[in-house]
Each structure stands twice: as C-alpha cells, then as structure tokens.
Protein backbone atom coordinates (compact mmCIF):
# COMPACT_ATOMS: atom_id res chain seq x y z
CA MET A 1 12.01 -2.35 -42.69
CA LYS A 2 12.28 0.66 -40.37
CA LEU A 3 8.75 0.05 -39.15
CA SER A 4 9.56 -3.60 -38.42
CA PHE A 5 12.59 -2.62 -36.35
CA ALA A 6 10.52 -0.07 -34.45
CA LEU A 7 7.86 -2.65 -33.67
CA ALA A 8 10.48 -5.15 -32.59
CA GLY A 9 12.04 -2.58 -30.28
CA ALA A 10 8.69 -1.72 -28.73
CA LEU A 11 7.96 -5.40 -28.18
CA LEU A 12 11.34 -5.91 -26.50
CA ILE A 13 10.74 -2.99 -24.15
CA SER A 14 7.33 -4.36 -23.21
CA LEU A 15 8.90 -7.67 -22.20
CA LEU A 16 11.54 -6.16 -19.93
CA PRO A 17 11.09 -5.45 -16.20
CA THR A 18 9.30 -2.21 -15.34
CA THR A 19 12.57 -0.29 -15.82
CA LEU A 20 16.23 -1.15 -15.96
CA ALA A 21 17.84 1.93 -14.42
CA SER A 22 15.78 2.09 -11.25
CA PHE A 23 14.56 -1.49 -10.81
CA TRP A 24 16.23 -2.95 -7.70
CA GLU A 25 17.57 -6.46 -8.23
CA LEU A 26 16.46 -8.15 -5.01
CA THR A 27 17.79 -11.41 -3.58
CA GLY A 28 17.10 -13.58 -0.56
CA ASP A 29 13.68 -13.94 1.05
CA ILE A 30 11.38 -11.56 -0.85
CA LEU A 31 8.06 -13.39 -0.38
CA CYS A 32 5.68 -10.57 0.49
CA HIS A 33 2.16 -9.26 -0.09
CA ASP A 34 1.06 -5.66 0.58
CA PRO A 35 4.53 -4.36 1.50
CA SER A 36 5.20 -1.29 3.64
CA ILE A 37 8.81 -0.20 3.44
CA ILE A 38 10.86 2.04 5.71
CA LYS A 39 14.52 2.81 6.40
CA GLU A 40 15.66 3.13 10.01
CA GLY A 41 19.25 4.27 10.26
CA SER A 42 21.10 2.31 7.59
CA ARG A 43 18.79 -0.73 7.70
CA TRP A 44 15.70 -1.34 5.58
CA TYR A 45 12.52 -3.03 6.81
CA THR A 46 9.47 -4.24 4.90
CA PHE A 47 6.27 -5.26 6.67
CA CYS A 48 3.97 -7.69 4.85
CA THR A 49 0.54 -9.28 5.12
CA GLY A 50 0.78 -12.63 6.89
CA ASP A 51 0.78 -14.44 10.21
CA GLY A 52 1.28 -11.87 12.96
CA ILE A 53 2.52 -9.37 10.34
CA GLN A 54 5.59 -10.65 8.55
CA VAL A 55 8.81 -8.61 8.53
CA LEU A 56 11.71 -8.59 6.08
CA THR A 57 14.95 -6.75 6.72
CA SER A 58 18.02 -5.80 4.71
CA GLU A 59 21.32 -4.02 5.28
CA ASP A 60 21.47 -2.67 1.73
CA GLY A 61 17.88 -2.86 0.45
CA LEU A 62 18.85 -5.58 -2.01
CA SER A 63 19.53 -8.76 -0.01
CA TRP A 64 16.61 -9.59 2.28
CA VAL A 65 16.07 -11.97 5.21
CA ARG A 66 12.98 -12.66 7.31
CA ALA A 67 12.84 -11.22 10.82
CA PRO A 68 10.53 -12.25 13.71
CA GLN A 69 6.86 -11.47 13.17
CA ILE A 70 5.20 -8.67 15.15
CA PHE A 71 2.46 -10.65 16.93
CA LEU A 72 3.24 -14.13 18.24
CA SER A 73 -0.39 -14.82 19.17
CA ALA A 74 -3.78 -13.42 18.23
CA LEU A 75 -5.03 -10.39 20.12
CA SER A 76 -8.33 -10.79 21.93
CA TRP A 77 -9.99 -7.77 20.33
CA TRP A 78 -9.53 -9.08 16.78
CA THR A 79 -12.48 -11.47 16.99
CA LYS A 80 -14.50 -9.00 19.06
CA TYR A 81 -14.78 -6.72 16.03
CA VAL A 82 -14.41 -9.39 13.33
CA PRO A 83 -16.14 -12.50 14.71
CA SER A 84 -15.43 -14.57 11.59
CA PHE A 85 -11.70 -13.96 11.81
CA THR A 86 -9.60 -17.05 12.50
CA GLY A 87 -5.90 -17.74 12.56
CA MET A 88 -3.17 -15.11 12.60
CA SER A 89 -3.04 -13.62 9.10
CA VAL A 90 -3.51 -9.87 9.38
CA TRP A 91 -3.43 -7.59 6.37
CA ALA A 92 -1.82 -4.60 4.74
CA PRO A 93 0.52 -3.24 7.43
CA ASP A 94 1.54 0.40 7.17
CA VAL A 95 4.61 1.62 9.05
CA ASN A 96 5.59 5.26 9.57
CA VAL A 97 7.37 7.48 12.07
CA PHE A 98 5.43 10.33 13.71
CA ASN A 99 6.64 12.47 16.61
CA ASN A 100 9.70 10.22 17.05
CA ARG A 101 7.59 7.08 17.51
CA VAL A 102 6.95 4.20 15.10
CA TYR A 103 3.31 3.62 14.18
CA LEU A 104 2.23 0.33 12.63
CA PHE A 105 -1.35 0.26 11.37
CA TYR A 106 -2.86 -2.96 10.00
CA ALA A 107 -6.20 -4.55 9.14
CA VAL A 108 -8.17 -7.51 10.47
CA SER A 109 -10.80 -8.87 8.09
CA THR A 110 -11.87 -11.82 5.96
CA PHE A 111 -11.86 -11.96 2.18
CA GLY A 112 -14.83 -10.20 0.59
CA SER A 113 -16.27 -9.03 3.93
CA GLN A 114 -17.09 -5.51 5.04
CA THR A 115 -16.85 -6.46 8.72
CA SER A 116 -13.34 -5.23 9.31
CA ALA A 117 -11.12 -3.40 11.78
CA ILE A 118 -7.96 -1.33 11.64
CA GLY A 119 -5.55 -1.78 14.53
CA LEU A 120 -2.41 -0.02 15.71
CA ALA A 121 0.84 -1.09 17.36
CA THR A 122 3.64 1.28 18.34
CA ALA A 123 7.32 1.04 19.23
CA ASP A 124 10.19 3.33 20.11
CA THR A 125 12.21 1.91 17.23
CA ILE A 126 11.77 -0.93 14.77
CA GLY A 127 15.16 -2.40 15.54
CA ALA A 128 14.49 -2.60 19.26
CA GLY A 129 11.06 -4.15 18.76
CA SER A 130 8.92 -4.26 21.92
CA TRP A 131 5.70 -3.42 20.12
CA SER A 132 2.79 -2.11 22.17
CA ASP A 133 -0.81 -2.90 21.17
CA GLN A 134 -2.90 0.27 20.94
CA GLY A 135 -6.10 -1.59 20.12
CA VAL A 136 -8.71 -0.83 17.50
CA ILE A 137 -8.66 2.46 15.59
CA LEU A 138 -11.53 2.17 13.12
CA THR A 139 -14.17 -0.44 12.25
CA SER A 140 -16.70 -1.10 9.51
CA ASP A 141 -19.70 -3.34 8.97
CA SER A 142 -22.65 -3.59 6.58
CA SER A 143 -24.09 -0.34 7.94
CA LYS A 144 -21.14 1.63 6.52
CA ASP A 145 -20.43 2.56 2.92
CA TYR A 146 -16.72 1.72 3.30
CA ASN A 147 -14.44 -1.12 4.31
CA ALA A 148 -11.97 -0.45 7.16
CA ILE A 149 -8.86 -2.08 5.70
CA ASP A 150 -5.66 -0.97 3.93
CA PRO A 151 -4.69 1.84 6.33
CA ASN A 152 -2.13 4.49 5.45
CA LEU A 153 -0.83 7.19 7.79
CA ILE A 154 -0.01 10.52 6.17
CA VAL A 155 1.11 13.67 7.99
CA ASP A 156 0.11 16.86 6.20
CA GLN A 157 2.27 19.94 5.77
CA SER A 158 0.97 21.45 9.00
CA GLY A 159 1.99 18.38 11.01
CA GLN A 160 -1.54 16.99 11.29
CA PRO A 161 -1.83 13.17 10.99
CA TRP A 162 -4.50 11.61 8.76
CA LEU A 163 -5.49 8.03 8.02
CA ALA A 164 -6.37 6.98 4.47
CA PHE A 165 -8.07 3.61 4.06
CA GLY A 166 -10.61 1.67 2.06
CA SER A 167 -11.30 -1.21 -0.27
CA PHE A 168 -14.15 -1.65 -2.78
CA TRP A 169 -17.66 -0.50 -1.75
CA SER A 170 -17.74 3.31 -2.15
CA GLY A 171 -13.97 3.56 -2.46
CA LEU A 172 -11.13 5.22 -0.63
CA LYS A 173 -11.53 7.51 2.38
CA ILE A 174 -9.46 9.76 4.61
CA THR A 175 -10.03 11.01 8.14
CA LYS A 176 -8.15 13.27 10.53
CA LEU A 177 -6.45 11.62 13.53
CA ASP A 178 -6.05 12.96 17.04
CA PRO A 179 -2.25 13.35 17.33
CA ASN A 180 -2.32 12.13 20.93
CA THR A 181 -4.51 9.03 20.57
CA MET A 182 -4.06 8.50 16.80
CA LYS A 183 -7.77 7.75 16.59
CA PRO A 184 -10.17 9.38 14.12
CA THR A 185 -11.66 12.74 14.91
CA GLY A 186 -14.14 14.53 12.71
CA SER A 187 -15.41 13.75 9.23
CA ILE A 188 -14.58 10.91 6.88
CA TYR A 189 -13.93 12.23 3.37
CA SER A 190 -14.29 10.27 0.12
CA ILE A 191 -11.23 10.69 -2.10
CA ALA A 192 -11.36 8.02 -4.85
CA ALA A 193 -13.67 5.42 -6.38
CA GLN A 194 -13.91 3.18 -9.43
CA PRO A 195 -17.62 3.05 -10.36
CA ASP A 196 -16.91 1.54 -13.79
CA LEU A 197 -14.81 -1.28 -12.27
CA ASP A 198 -17.44 -2.50 -9.81
CA GLY A 199 -15.60 -0.60 -7.07
CA GLU A 200 -12.27 -2.36 -7.64
CA ILE A 201 -9.99 0.08 -5.82
CA GLU A 202 -7.99 -0.27 -2.60
CA ALA A 203 -4.59 0.25 -0.96
CA PRO A 204 -4.40 4.07 -0.75
CA ASN A 205 -0.98 5.54 -0.20
CA ILE A 206 -0.52 9.32 -0.05
CA VAL A 207 2.75 11.23 -0.30
CA TYR A 208 3.47 14.95 -0.49
CA HIS A 209 5.72 16.30 -3.23
CA ASP A 210 6.35 19.82 -4.46
CA GLY A 211 3.01 21.38 -3.52
CA TYR A 212 0.74 18.39 -4.13
CA TYR A 213 -0.59 15.39 -2.25
CA TYR A 214 -0.26 12.35 -4.51
CA LEU A 215 -2.68 9.50 -4.01
CA PHE A 216 -1.48 6.10 -5.21
CA ALA A 217 -3.96 3.21 -5.29
CA SER A 218 -4.38 -0.31 -6.62
CA ILE A 219 -7.25 -1.04 -8.99
CA GLY A 220 -8.41 -4.36 -10.42
CA LEU A 221 -8.25 -7.69 -8.60
CA CYS A 222 -5.44 -9.07 -6.45
CA CYS A 223 -4.76 -12.47 -4.96
CA ARG A 224 -5.28 -14.54 -8.11
CA GLY A 225 -1.66 -15.29 -8.90
CA THR A 226 -0.85 -14.69 -12.56
CA ASP A 227 -4.56 -14.10 -13.25
CA SER A 228 -4.51 -10.99 -11.02
CA THR A 229 -5.52 -7.76 -12.76
CA TYR A 230 -4.05 -5.39 -10.16
CA ARG A 231 -2.36 -2.23 -11.41
CA ILE A 232 -1.10 0.92 -9.71
CA ILE A 233 -2.63 4.33 -10.46
CA TYR A 234 -2.01 7.86 -9.21
CA THR A 235 -3.84 11.18 -8.88
CA ARG A 236 -2.96 14.42 -7.10
CA SER A 237 -4.53 17.28 -5.15
CA LYS A 238 -3.52 20.58 -3.55
CA SER A 239 -5.57 19.53 -0.50
CA ILE A 240 -5.14 16.28 1.40
CA THR A 241 -8.93 15.75 1.36
CA GLY A 242 -9.18 16.27 -2.41
CA PRO A 243 -10.36 16.64 -5.04
CA TYR A 244 -7.74 14.36 -6.59
CA VAL A 245 -7.36 14.34 -10.37
CA ASP A 246 -5.24 12.31 -12.77
CA ALA A 247 -2.88 13.54 -15.50
CA ASN A 248 -5.89 14.07 -17.80
CA GLY A 249 -7.83 16.05 -15.21
CA VAL A 250 -10.31 13.26 -14.42
CA ASP A 251 -11.56 13.28 -10.82
CA ALA A 252 -10.52 10.24 -8.78
CA LEU A 253 -14.11 9.92 -7.52
CA ASP A 254 -15.24 9.49 -11.13
CA GLY A 255 -12.80 6.69 -11.85
CA GLY A 256 -9.79 8.87 -12.62
CA GLY A 257 -6.30 7.46 -12.25
CA THR A 258 -3.19 7.47 -14.42
CA VAL A 259 -1.57 4.04 -14.61
CA LEU A 260 1.93 3.87 -13.17
CA ASP A 261 2.50 0.12 -13.33
CA SER A 262 0.40 -2.61 -14.92
CA GLY A 263 3.06 -5.31 -14.83
CA ASN A 264 4.83 -7.16 -17.61
CA VAL A 265 5.37 -10.64 -18.98
CA ARG A 266 6.97 -11.87 -15.75
CA TRP A 267 5.53 -9.66 -13.00
CA LYS A 268 1.74 -9.87 -13.01
CA GLY A 269 -0.75 -7.76 -11.07
CA PRO A 270 1.51 -5.24 -9.30
CA GLY A 271 -0.11 -3.45 -6.36
CA GLY A 272 -0.30 -2.97 -2.61
CA GLN A 273 2.20 -0.15 -3.10
CA ASP A 274 4.02 1.92 -0.50
CA ILE A 275 6.22 4.98 -1.04
CA SER A 276 8.96 5.85 1.45
CA ASP A 277 12.52 7.16 1.43
CA GLY A 278 12.43 7.86 -2.29
CA VAL A 279 11.39 4.37 -3.35
CA ILE A 280 8.17 2.59 -4.20
CA ALA A 281 7.65 -0.96 -2.95
CA ARG A 282 4.85 -3.20 -4.19
CA HIS A 283 4.13 -6.86 -4.66
CA ALA A 284 3.64 -8.63 -7.95
CA TYR A 285 2.97 -12.24 -8.92
CA ASP A 286 5.97 -14.00 -10.40
CA ALA A 287 5.01 -15.87 -13.58
CA ASP A 288 8.38 -17.66 -13.41
CA ASP A 289 7.47 -19.06 -9.96
CA ASN A 290 3.87 -20.26 -10.23
CA GLY A 291 2.45 -16.80 -9.48
CA THR A 292 4.09 -16.39 -6.07
CA ALA A 293 3.71 -12.89 -4.60
CA LYS A 294 7.08 -11.18 -4.21
CA LEU A 295 8.50 -7.84 -3.20
CA LEU A 296 9.53 -5.37 -5.91
CA ILE A 297 11.28 -2.05 -5.32
CA ASN A 298 11.98 0.86 -7.66
CA ASP A 299 13.40 4.33 -7.25
CA LEU A 300 10.47 6.72 -7.53
CA ASN A 301 11.22 9.68 -9.77
CA TRP A 302 9.22 12.77 -10.77
CA SER A 303 8.72 14.31 -14.21
CA ASN A 304 6.62 17.38 -14.98
CA GLY A 305 4.82 17.11 -11.68
CA TRP A 306 3.96 13.40 -11.93
CA PRO A 307 5.56 10.23 -10.53
CA THR A 308 7.49 7.88 -12.76
CA TYR A 309 9.89 4.96 -12.59
C-alpha cells in the first residue's frame, strides 16, 4: 500500500506544471516563440519571433499585452544575404543592455537552411523605442560549418561582449565582439554539439553565476506543436569559450547537457529559453490549446552550483 501511494504521488507530480512555487501564472496575450525577456525600470518586455519582431509588455510580469512590433517593413539587406527570405517573420530576438544602450540581435533565415544572417538594432531605451538598424553582424552559407541564427549577447566578467549563436550543423559557437561596432572580431569557438541527436541543438543562452558561465540550450525539435521534442539543457565552464560540462562531467561538445525542463502533460517541447533579471523565459506548446506556442516564466534558482526551478 505504501508503494502504491508513493507511485501515485510521483505520478501526480509529473502531471503538474514545471513547479508550483516559482511558476508564474501569466494572463493576457502570451502568444510567443523564442522569447527574450528584460526588465526596464518597473516594466517587463518580451521580444518574440514573428512579423517585424513581436513585443509583449507587462507592468507586473504576469498580465501581458502586445506592443508595436520593431520593424514595420522589411529591411533591404535581409534578402541581400538571404535571397530566399520572404515576408516579415524574423527569428529569435535577443535583447540586452550594454554600455547604457539597448542591443537587439535577431536572425533572418528560412526553415532548414544554412543561408542565414544575424542582424542588430539598437535604441536608447526600450520604452522610448526609436530603433536604429545597425545592419548585418554575421552570416552563414553552405561553405560554413555553422548556422548564423539564434544570437545571444553575453558580456564577460572583464566587460568584453561576446555573441553566442548556432543551430544544428556542427553546433553552438561563440565569438568576441568589437565593443564599438558590436561586430565579430577574432576566432569563432565551438562550445556545444549533439552528435548523437543528428545535431539537434540550438538557442544558446549564457549567464554568469558564482564563478561559472552557464550555457543553456534547446535540444530536440521545435515547431511541431504538441509533437515537438524540444527540451532545455545546461552545462557550465570557468571560461566563456569552454570547455562546458554538464552535472555528470560530460563535455557539451560530446553531447553533454543536464536536462532542466522537458515539459509536462500540458506544456510540450519547452525551449527557446532566455535568462534575465533572475527569471527564465521560454516557450512551450499548449496541449490544452491545439499546441499553440506560449510564453512561460519561472524564477531561476541555484542549488549546489547548478540551476533549478
């Protein structure tokens, strides 16, 4: 009988949301894919994949409304570097503040293609808007061993900016940025790969905590609604360029990665994560709403040197 109760309890836990204590109960417009979250003053903003880069905003982080998109029309250089690109849907925005200016990186590509480009827009503040196009930052094509999408700006402990990026092919990369132009300078380093998953890794996001750089990534497949196999993993390194290892000491380049979130009975395929202001945002596909991608937010905690909900 005790065993039966234990099994029943474990089953109940598995059916609940990721956590109860730190899971934010969101309301309003939370339709979002590949979120990047940031707090400016007392207001929250989340930038999402979509036409012209979609923007959500909230006064309390719980009740969300949609704000005007960043780009109202396509930029001319998008099709110069990605000739097959049509429409306005740009991917995986990443928003951060560096040297008192807001930097918004994003990707232009088409599904399954290695012909891609990472762009940059800047603003004095998010609230004021008035975004300035800074053009193309990094490109890829079939001659490269990487895909120039899913950018993430990280500033190391010396104040040096870096750009992590990558999707499939040979995995995730990082390169140093010129702090004046915010364009790559120097080598491109490999930091993570999934050779046993046919390269299914993308969406790098790096944060510094208590002596380590933590690399979060999404592995598996996105964009398939409730059939998505996305899940969030993490590794860490003393150096921003690696080597990154998981909680079992497995190198991220050898497929290492400790699973943080693999979803539950309602929220399928969590991924596209972003860590900022003590929280982790990600999208997941809502099984109660025909697999619609929605924003999820949790407090990000730390235990014995590793991230946890």
